[in-house]
């Protein structure tokens, strides 16, 4: 799985698709259009929320959706 480098800043342009999956917590799969200083592009992300509510970005895949 790819991770977004901490030094790269992006801006959310739009949410193209969203899905949820119940696991031991919840996975949120999002297809996003984001933009950096030079261009915009789509990324597939997965955000995991554990049973106490903590969130963690577990996937960031450019052109993944």
N, C-alpha and C. Protein backbone atom coordinates (compact mmCIF):
# COMPACT_ATOMS: atom_id res chain seq x y z
N UNK A 1 0.84 -1.18 0.00
CA UNK A 1 0.00 0.00 0.00
C UNK A 1 0.88 1.24 0.00
N UNK A 2 0.43 2.20 -0.73
CA UNK A 2 1.17 3.45 -0.82
C UNK A 2 0.73 4.39 0.29
N UNK A 3 1.61 5.26 0.69
CA UNK A 3 1.27 6.26 1.71
C UNK A 3 1.63 7.63 1.17
N UNK A 4 0.87 8.60 1.53
CA UNK A 4 1.13 9.97 1.11
C UNK A 4 2.33 10.49 1.88
N UNK A 5 3.36 10.97 1.16
CA UNK A 5 4.52 11.53 1.88
C UNK A 5 4.09 12.70 2.75
N UNK A 6 4.64 12.77 3.94
CA UNK A 6 4.26 13.83 4.87
C UNK A 6 4.53 15.22 4.31
N UNK A 7 5.52 15.35 3.44
CA UNK A 7 5.88 16.66 2.91
C UNK A 7 4.97 17.12 1.78
N UNK A 8 4.12 16.24 1.25
CA UNK A 8 3.26 16.60 0.12
C UNK A 8 1.91 17.08 0.64
N UNK A 9 1.56 18.29 0.28
CA UNK A 9 0.26 18.84 0.67
C UNK A 9 -0.67 18.81 -0.53
N UNK A 10 -1.90 18.37 -0.28
CA UNK A 10 -2.92 18.35 -1.32
C UNK A 10 -4.18 19.00 -0.79
N UNK A 11 -5.01 19.42 -1.72
CA UNK A 11 -6.30 20.04 -1.40
C UNK A 11 -7.40 19.16 -1.95
N UNK A 12 -8.43 18.91 -1.17
CA UNK A 12 -9.56 18.11 -1.63
C UNK A 12 -10.37 18.93 -2.62
N UNK A 13 -10.58 18.37 -3.80
CA UNK A 13 -11.41 19.01 -4.82
C UNK A 13 -12.83 18.46 -4.75
N UNK A 14 -12.95 17.12 -4.72
CA UNK A 14 -14.28 16.51 -4.63
C UNK A 14 -14.16 15.05 -4.20
N UNK A 15 -15.28 14.53 -3.71
CA UNK A 15 -15.39 13.11 -3.37
C UNK A 15 -16.18 12.47 -4.50
N UNK A 16 -15.57 11.53 -5.20
CA UNK A 16 -16.20 10.88 -6.35
C UNK A 16 -17.01 9.66 -5.95
N UNK A 17 -16.56 8.95 -4.90
CA UNK A 17 -17.23 7.72 -4.49
C UNK A 17 -16.86 7.43 -3.05
N UNK A 18 -17.77 6.84 -2.29
CA UNK A 18 -17.49 6.47 -0.90
C UNK A 18 -18.19 5.16 -0.58
N UNK A 19 -17.47 4.27 0.12
CA UNK A 19 -18.02 2.99 0.54
C UNK A 19 -17.57 2.74 1.97
N UNK A 20 -18.34 1.93 2.69
CA UNK A 20 -17.94 1.53 4.03
C UNK A 20 -17.89 0.02 4.12
N UNK A 21 -17.06 -0.47 5.04
CA UNK A 21 -16.95 -1.90 5.32
C UNK A 21 -16.82 -2.07 6.82
N UNK A 22 -17.69 -2.90 7.39
CA UNK A 22 -17.63 -3.18 8.81
C UNK A 22 -16.60 -4.28 9.02
N UNK A 23 -15.61 -4.00 9.86
CA UNK A 23 -14.58 -4.96 10.27
C UNK A 23 -14.52 -4.85 11.79
N UNK A 24 -13.42 -5.12 12.41
CA UNK A 24 -13.27 -4.84 13.84
C UNK A 24 -13.04 -3.34 13.93
N UNK A 25 -14.09 -2.60 13.67
CA UNK A 25 -14.07 -1.16 13.48
C UNK A 25 -14.77 -0.88 12.17
N UNK A 26 -14.27 0.08 11.40
CA UNK A 26 -14.90 0.43 10.12
C UNK A 26 -13.84 0.90 9.14
N UNK A 27 -13.94 0.43 7.89
CA UNK A 27 -13.11 0.94 6.82
C UNK A 27 -13.96 1.88 5.96
N UNK A 28 -13.41 3.01 5.60
CA UNK A 28 -14.04 3.95 4.69
C UNK A 28 -13.17 4.01 3.44
N UNK A 29 -13.70 3.53 2.31
CA UNK A 29 -12.98 3.59 1.04
C UNK A 29 -13.49 4.80 0.27
N UNK A 30 -12.59 5.67 -0.11
CA UNK A 30 -12.97 6.92 -0.76
C UNK A 30 -12.21 7.08 -2.06
N UNK A 31 -12.91 7.48 -3.09
CA UNK A 31 -12.28 7.87 -4.34
C UNK A 31 -12.36 9.39 -4.38
N UNK A 32 -11.20 10.04 -4.34
CA UNK A 32 -11.14 11.50 -4.20
C UNK A 32 -10.46 12.14 -5.40
N UNK A 33 -10.86 13.35 -5.72
CA UNK A 33 -10.08 14.18 -6.63
C UNK A 33 -9.39 15.20 -5.75
N UNK A 34 -8.06 15.22 -5.81
CA UNK A 34 -7.25 16.13 -5.02
C UNK A 34 -6.37 16.94 -5.95
N UNK A 35 -5.84 18.04 -5.44
CA UNK A 35 -4.96 18.88 -6.24
C UNK A 35 -3.76 19.29 -5.41
N UNK A 36 -2.61 19.34 -6.08
CA UNK A 36 -1.42 19.92 -5.45
C UNK A 36 -1.13 21.21 -6.21
N UNK A 37 0.06 21.73 -6.09
CA UNK A 37 0.37 23.00 -6.73
C UNK A 37 0.37 22.93 -8.25
N UNK A 38 0.63 21.75 -8.82
CA UNK A 38 0.79 21.66 -10.27
C UNK A 38 -0.37 21.01 -11.02
N UNK A 39 -1.14 20.12 -10.40
CA UNK A 39 -2.23 19.46 -11.12
C UNK A 39 -3.21 18.81 -10.15
N UNK A 40 -4.32 18.32 -10.71
CA UNK A 40 -5.27 17.56 -9.90
C UNK A 40 -5.28 16.12 -10.40
N UNK A 41 -5.63 15.20 -9.51
CA UNK A 41 -5.64 13.79 -9.86
C UNK A 41 -6.54 13.03 -8.90
N UNK A 42 -6.88 11.80 -9.28
CA UNK A 42 -7.71 10.94 -8.42
C UNK A 42 -6.83 10.05 -7.56
N UNK A 43 -7.30 9.80 -6.37
CA UNK A 43 -6.64 8.86 -5.47
C UNK A 43 -7.68 7.97 -4.82
N UNK A 44 -7.27 6.75 -4.54
CA UNK A 44 -8.10 5.85 -3.73
C UNK A 44 -7.51 5.87 -2.34
N UNK A 45 -8.35 6.11 -1.35
CA UNK A 45 -7.90 6.12 0.03
C UNK A 45 -8.74 5.14 0.84
N UNK A 46 -8.13 4.63 1.88
CA UNK A 46 -8.86 3.86 2.88
C UNK A 46 -8.52 4.46 4.23
N UNK A 47 -9.56 4.80 4.97
CA UNK A 47 -9.40 5.32 6.33
C UNK A 47 -10.04 4.29 7.26
N UNK A 48 -9.27 3.86 8.25
CA UNK A 48 -9.76 2.88 9.23
C UNK A 48 -10.11 3.61 10.52
N UNK A 49 -11.32 3.32 11.04
CA UNK A 49 -11.73 3.83 12.36
C UNK A 49 -11.83 2.64 13.30
N UNK A 50 -11.04 2.65 14.38
CA UNK A 50 -11.07 1.52 15.31
C UNK A 50 -12.26 1.63 16.25
N UNK A 51 -12.38 0.67 17.15
CA UNK A 51 -13.55 0.59 18.02
C UNK A 51 -13.66 1.72 19.03
N UNK A 52 -12.57 2.45 19.28
CA UNK A 52 -12.65 3.59 20.19
C UNK A 52 -12.74 4.92 19.43
N UNK A 53 -12.78 4.84 18.08
CA UNK A 53 -12.99 6.05 17.28
C UNK A 53 -11.74 6.68 16.69
N UNK A 54 -10.56 6.11 16.94
CA UNK A 54 -9.33 6.66 16.37
C UNK A 54 -9.30 6.38 14.86
N UNK A 55 -8.86 7.36 14.08
CA UNK A 55 -8.78 7.24 12.63
C UNK A 55 -7.35 7.07 12.17
N UNK A 56 -7.16 6.24 11.11
CA UNK A 56 -5.82 6.04 10.55
C UNK A 56 -5.95 5.90 9.03
N UNK A 57 -5.15 6.67 8.29
CA UNK A 57 -5.07 6.52 6.85
C UNK A 57 -4.25 5.27 6.56
N UNK A 58 -4.88 4.26 5.94
CA UNK A 58 -4.17 3.00 5.70
C UNK A 58 -3.82 2.80 4.23
N UNK A 59 -4.39 3.59 3.34
CA UNK A 59 -4.05 3.47 1.93
C UNK A 59 -4.20 4.82 1.25
N UNK A 60 -3.26 5.10 0.34
CA UNK A 60 -3.29 6.30 -0.51
C UNK A 60 -2.69 5.89 -1.83
N UNK A 61 -3.56 5.59 -2.82
CA UNK A 61 -3.10 5.07 -4.10
C UNK A 61 -3.49 6.02 -5.23
N UNK A 62 -2.52 6.74 -5.80
CA UNK A 62 -2.82 7.58 -6.96
C UNK A 62 -3.35 6.74 -8.12
N UNK A 63 -4.33 7.27 -8.83
CA UNK A 63 -4.94 6.61 -9.99
C UNK A 63 -5.56 5.28 -9.58
N UNK A 64 -5.95 5.14 -8.33
CA UNK A 64 -6.48 3.87 -7.85
C UNK A 64 -7.98 3.71 -8.03
N UNK A 65 -8.65 4.69 -8.60
CA UNK A 65 -10.10 4.55 -8.78
C UNK A 65 -10.56 5.28 -10.02
